[in-house]
Structure formats: structure tokens, C-alpha cells
Amino acid sequence: MPPGVPDVPGAPDALDAEARRLLAALAAEPDAPFPRRTLPGETALGLGYGPGMAWKLLRRLFAAGYYEYDISAYSGRLTEAGRQAAKRIDAL
């Protein structure tokens, strides 16, 4: 079976290791209103991804239905499906 998070709606099997790593890191961050929470773009940069790669990874999570944003991809948050997928990653 290909790597991924089986049986989770969206496109979990299409997530590569980098996207799964970011998904898990975002799920580990406390969900609080700004400015008390770390923005997802900051989390991605903290993992060592440059701005361009961070953008691509956040877009992959968005396309899978795991991430939502209004104005900027760098300041969005995980959806409930994203949090559930991250739990499944932890269980693998």
C-alpha cells in the first residue's frame, strides 16, 4: 500500500512525506486565536522549508481538504479532517 493515511476523506495517499510532516506539525500546534498561535507559515519555516516550498505544502493540504484559509495560505488553519488525518499519521 502506498504511504499515506488510509480511509481518511480527501487525498491522503497523495500526500508525500513532507506534506505529512507539515500536517503533523500543524496538528501539534495549539489552536488559539491570533496572535497567541503560531501561524502555519511560521511552522513550515521552522521545519526548514523555504517560503516557496511552504506555499506548495500548504496548497497540498488545502487540496486534500485538510487546511483552510481566507486571505493568506500562511495564516490559515487545519480543518477537522486535517486534525483527524494527523491523528492517523501518528498511529502509523
N, C-alpha and C. Protein backbone atom coordinates (compact mmCIF):
# COMPACT_ATOMS: atom_id res chain seq x y z
N MET A 1 0.85 -1.18 0.00
CA MET A 1 0.00 0.00 0.00
C MET A 1 0.89 1.24 0.00
N PRO A 2 0.56 2.27 -0.79
CA PRO A 2 1.38 3.48 -0.80
C PRO A 2 1.33 4.20 0.54
N PRO A 3 2.37 4.98 0.84
CA PRO A 3 2.35 5.72 2.11
C PRO A 3 1.21 6.71 2.12
N GLY A 4 0.68 6.98 3.28
CA GLY A 4 -0.42 7.93 3.39
C GLY A 4 -1.25 7.62 4.61
N VAL A 5 -2.43 8.11 4.60
CA VAL A 5 -3.34 7.91 5.72
C VAL A 5 -4.59 7.27 5.14
N PRO A 6 -4.66 5.93 5.13
CA PRO A 6 -5.79 5.27 4.51
C PRO A 6 -7.12 5.58 5.19
N ASP A 7 -8.18 5.52 4.41
CA ASP A 7 -9.55 5.65 4.91
C ASP A 7 -9.90 7.02 5.48
N VAL A 8 -9.16 8.05 5.11
CA VAL A 8 -9.49 9.41 5.52
C VAL A 8 -9.93 10.15 4.27
N PRO A 9 -11.10 10.82 4.29
CA PRO A 9 -11.57 11.53 3.09
C PRO A 9 -10.55 12.55 2.60
N GLY A 10 -10.61 12.86 1.33
CA GLY A 10 -9.66 13.80 0.73
C GLY A 10 -8.71 13.03 -0.16
N ALA A 11 -7.47 13.40 -0.15
CA ALA A 11 -6.46 12.72 -0.96
C ALA A 11 -5.25 12.34 -0.11
N PRO A 12 -5.47 11.60 0.99
CA PRO A 12 -4.37 11.35 1.91
C PRO A 12 -3.24 10.55 1.30
N ASP A 13 -3.53 9.59 0.44
CA ASP A 13 -2.46 8.80 -0.13
C ASP A 13 -1.60 9.61 -1.08
N ALA A 14 -2.11 10.74 -1.52
CA ALA A 14 -1.34 11.61 -2.41
C ALA A 14 -0.36 12.49 -1.64
N LEU A 15 -0.50 12.55 -0.32
CA LEU A 15 0.41 13.38 0.47
C LEU A 15 1.77 12.71 0.56
N ASP A 16 2.80 13.45 0.18
CA ASP A 16 4.15 12.91 0.31
C ASP A 16 4.64 13.10 1.75
N ALA A 17 5.83 12.61 2.01
CA ALA A 17 6.38 12.65 3.37
C ALA A 17 6.48 14.08 3.90
N GLU A 18 6.84 15.03 3.05
CA GLU A 18 6.97 16.42 3.51
C GLU A 18 5.63 17.00 3.91
N ALA A 19 4.59 16.72 3.11
CA ALA A 19 3.25 17.23 3.44
C ALA A 19 2.73 16.58 4.71
N ARG A 20 2.98 15.28 4.88
CA ARG A 20 2.56 14.61 6.11
C ARG A 20 3.32 15.17 7.31
N ARG A 21 4.60 15.48 7.13
CA ARG A 21 5.40 16.06 8.23
C ARG A 21 4.82 17.41 8.65
N LEU A 22 4.47 18.25 7.67
CA LEU A 22 3.89 19.54 7.98
C LEU A 22 2.51 19.37 8.62
N LEU A 23 1.70 18.46 8.11
CA LEU A 23 0.38 18.20 8.69
C LEU A 23 0.50 17.82 10.16
N ALA A 24 1.42 16.93 10.48
CA ALA A 24 1.61 16.51 11.87
C ALA A 24 2.09 17.68 12.73
N ALA A 25 2.99 18.50 12.20
CA ALA A 25 3.50 19.65 12.96
C ALA A 25 2.40 20.67 13.21
N LEU A 26 1.55 20.91 12.22
CA LEU A 26 0.45 21.86 12.39
C LEU A 26 -0.54 21.34 13.43
N ALA A 27 -0.81 20.05 13.41
CA ALA A 27 -1.75 19.48 14.38
C ALA A 27 -1.20 19.54 15.80
N ALA A 28 0.11 19.54 15.94
CA ALA A 28 0.73 19.61 17.27
C ALA A 28 0.69 21.02 17.86
N GLU A 29 0.48 22.02 17.02
CA GLU A 29 0.41 23.41 17.49
C GLU A 29 -0.93 23.66 18.18
N PRO A 30 -0.93 24.41 19.28
CA PRO A 30 -2.21 24.74 19.92
C PRO A 30 -3.07 25.62 19.01
N ASP A 31 -4.36 25.36 18.99
CA ASP A 31 -5.28 26.15 18.17
C ASP A 31 -5.82 27.29 19.03
N ALA A 32 -5.30 28.46 18.83
CA ALA A 32 -5.71 29.65 19.59
C ALA A 32 -5.88 30.80 18.62
N PRO A 33 -6.61 31.83 19.02
CA PRO A 33 -6.74 32.99 18.14
C PRO A 33 -5.41 33.72 18.01
N PHE A 34 -5.23 34.33 16.83
CA PHE A 34 -4.04 35.16 16.62
C PHE A 34 -4.13 36.33 17.59
N PRO A 35 -3.09 36.77 18.23
CA PRO A 35 -1.67 36.49 17.99
C PRO A 35 -1.08 35.43 18.91
N ARG A 36 -1.92 34.68 19.62
CA ARG A 36 -1.38 33.69 20.56
C ARG A 36 -1.04 32.37 19.91
N ARG A 37 -1.31 32.21 18.65
CA ARG A 37 -0.97 30.95 17.99
C ARG A 37 0.14 31.16 16.97
N THR A 38 0.87 30.11 16.73
CA THR A 38 1.90 30.13 15.71
C THR A 38 1.21 29.96 14.36
N LEU A 39 1.49 30.84 13.43
CA LEU A 39 0.87 30.75 12.12
C LEU A 39 1.48 29.57 11.34
N PRO A 40 0.69 28.90 10.51
CA PRO A 40 1.18 27.75 9.76
C PRO A 40 2.42 28.05 8.91
N GLY A 41 2.50 29.23 8.35
CA GLY A 41 3.70 29.59 7.59
C GLY A 41 4.94 29.58 8.46
N GLU A 42 4.79 30.05 9.70
CA GLU A 42 5.91 30.03 10.64
C GLU A 42 6.29 28.60 11.00
N THR A 43 5.29 27.75 11.16
CA THR A 43 5.55 26.34 11.46
C THR A 43 6.34 25.70 10.33
N ALA A 44 5.92 25.96 9.10
CA ALA A 44 6.62 25.40 7.93
C ALA A 44 8.06 25.90 7.86
N LEU A 45 8.25 27.19 8.08
CA LEU A 45 9.60 27.74 8.06
C LEU A 45 10.44 27.14 9.18
N GLY A 46 9.83 26.92 10.34
CA GLY A 46 10.53 26.32 11.46
C GLY A 46 10.98 24.89 11.18
N LEU A 47 10.29 24.21 10.27
CA LEU A 47 10.68 22.86 9.87
C LEU A 47 11.81 22.88 8.84
N GLY A 48 12.18 24.08 8.41
CA GLY A 48 13.27 24.22 7.45
C GLY A 48 12.84 24.39 6.01
N TYR A 49 11.54 24.50 5.76
CA TYR A 49 11.06 24.72 4.40
C TYR A 49 11.14 26.20 4.07
N GLY A 50 11.60 26.53 2.88
CA GLY A 50 11.61 27.91 2.43
C GLY A 50 10.20 28.36 2.10
N PRO A 51 10.01 29.65 1.86
CA PRO A 51 8.67 30.17 1.58
C PRO A 51 7.98 29.50 0.40
N GLY A 52 8.71 29.22 -0.67
CA GLY A 52 8.12 28.58 -1.84
C GLY A 52 7.64 27.17 -1.55
N MET A 53 8.46 26.41 -0.86
CA MET A 53 8.08 25.04 -0.52
C MET A 53 6.95 25.05 0.50
N ALA A 54 6.99 25.97 1.45
CA ALA A 54 5.91 26.09 2.43
C ALA A 54 4.58 26.32 1.71
N TRP A 55 4.58 27.23 0.73
CA TRP A 55 3.39 27.51 -0.05
C TRP A 55 2.89 26.24 -0.74
N LYS A 56 3.78 25.49 -1.38
CA LYS A 56 3.39 24.27 -2.09
C LYS A 56 2.80 23.24 -1.12
N LEU A 57 3.43 23.08 0.04
CA LEU A 57 2.93 22.11 1.01
C LEU A 57 1.57 22.51 1.56
N LEU A 58 1.40 23.78 1.87
CA LEU A 58 0.10 24.25 2.37
C LEU A 58 -0.98 24.08 1.31
N ARG A 59 -0.64 24.30 0.05
CA ARG A 59 -1.60 24.10 -1.04
C ARG A 59 -1.97 22.62 -1.18
N ARG A 60 -1.01 21.72 -0.95
CA ARG A 60 -1.32 20.28 -1.00
C ARG A 60 -2.32 19.93 0.10
N LEU A 61 -2.10 20.47 1.29
CA LEU A 61 -3.03 20.20 2.39
C LEU A 61 -4.40 20.79 2.09
N PHE A 62 -4.43 21.98 1.49
CA PHE A 62 -5.69 22.63 1.10
C PHE A 62 -6.43 21.76 0.08
N ALA A 63 -5.71 21.28 -0.93
CA ALA A 63 -6.32 20.46 -1.97
C ALA A 63 -6.90 19.16 -1.41
N ALA A 64 -6.29 18.65 -0.35
CA ALA A 64 -6.77 17.41 0.27
C ALA A 64 -7.93 17.66 1.23
N GLY A 65 -8.26 18.94 1.46
CA GLY A 65 -9.35 19.27 2.38
C GLY A 65 -8.92 19.32 3.84
N TYR A 66 -7.62 19.37 4.07
CA TYR A 66 -7.08 19.34 5.43
C TYR A 66 -6.75 20.73 5.97
N TYR A 67 -6.85 21.75 5.14
CA TYR A 67 -6.39 23.08 5.51
C TYR A 67 -7.31 24.10 4.87
N GLU A 68 -7.57 25.20 5.59
CA GLU A 68 -8.42 26.27 5.04
C GLU A 68 -7.80 27.62 5.36
N TYR A 69 -8.07 28.57 4.48
CA TYR A 69 -7.59 29.93 4.70
C TYR A 69 -8.47 30.90 3.95
N ASP A 70 -8.48 32.15 4.40
CA ASP A 70 -9.26 33.20 3.75
C ASP A 70 -8.37 34.11 2.92
N ILE A 71 -7.44 34.76 3.58
CA ILE A 71 -6.63 35.79 2.94
C ILE A 71 -5.27 35.26 2.51
N SER A 72 -4.60 34.52 3.37
CA SER A 72 -3.25 34.07 3.09
C SER A 72 -3.09 32.61 3.48
N ALA A 73 -2.48 31.83 2.61
CA ALA A 73 -2.23 30.43 2.93
C ALA A 73 -1.34 30.28 4.15
N TYR A 74 -0.51 31.28 4.39
CA TYR A 74 0.42 31.20 5.52
C TYR A 74 -0.26 31.42 6.87
N SER A 75 -1.51 31.88 6.87
CA SER A 75 -2.17 32.19 8.15
C SER A 75 -3.47 31.42 8.35
N GLY A 76 -3.66 30.32 7.64
CA GLY A 76 -4.88 29.54 7.77
C GLY A 76 -4.83 28.60 8.96
N ARG A 77 -5.67 27.58 8.91
CA ARG A 77 -5.67 26.59 10.00
C ARG A 77 -6.16 25.25 9.46
N LEU A 78 -5.86 24.20 10.22
CA LEU A 78 -6.30 22.86 9.82
C LEU A 78 -7.81 22.74 9.95
N THR A 79 -8.39 21.97 9.07
CA THR A 79 -9.80 21.62 9.18
C THR A 79 -9.91 20.43 10.15
N GLU A 80 -11.12 20.09 10.52
CA GLU A 80 -11.31 18.91 11.37
C GLU A 80 -10.80 17.66 10.65
N ALA A 81 -11.01 17.59 9.33
CA ALA A 81 -10.49 16.45 8.57
C ALA A 81 -8.96 16.40 8.65
N GLY A 82 -8.32 17.57 8.63
CA GLY A 82 -6.87 17.62 8.76
C GLY A 82 -6.39 17.13 10.11
N ARG A 83 -7.11 17.52 11.16
CA ARG A 83 -6.73 17.05 12.51
C ARG A 83 -6.91 15.54 12.63
N GLN A 84 -7.98 15.02 12.03
CA GLN A 84 -8.20 13.57 12.06
C GLN A 84 -7.12 12.83 11.26
N ALA A 85 -6.76 13.38 10.11
CA ALA A 85 -5.70 12.76 9.29
C ALA A 85 -4.37 12.76 10.04
N ALA A 86 -4.08 13.83 10.76
CA ALA A 86 -2.84 13.90 11.54
C ALA A 86 -2.83 12.83 12.63
N LYS A 87 -3.97 12.57 13.23
CA LYS A 87 -4.05 11.51 14.24
C LYS A 87 -3.76 10.15 13.62
N ARG A 88 -4.24 9.96 12.40
CA ARG A 88 -3.98 8.69 11.71
C ARG A 88 -2.51 8.56 11.35
N ILE A 89 -1.86 9.66 11.00
CA ILE A 89 -0.42 9.63 10.71
C ILE A 89 0.33 9.19 11.96
N ASP A 90 -0.04 9.76 13.10
CA ASP A 90 0.62 9.41 14.36
C ASP A 90 0.46 7.93 14.68
N ALA A 91 -0.64 7.34 14.24
CA ALA A 91 -0.91 5.94 14.55
C ALA A 91 -0.16 4.98 13.63
N LEU A 92 0.36 5.48 12.52
CA LEU A 92 1.05 4.59 11.57
C LEU A 92 2.37 4.11 12.11
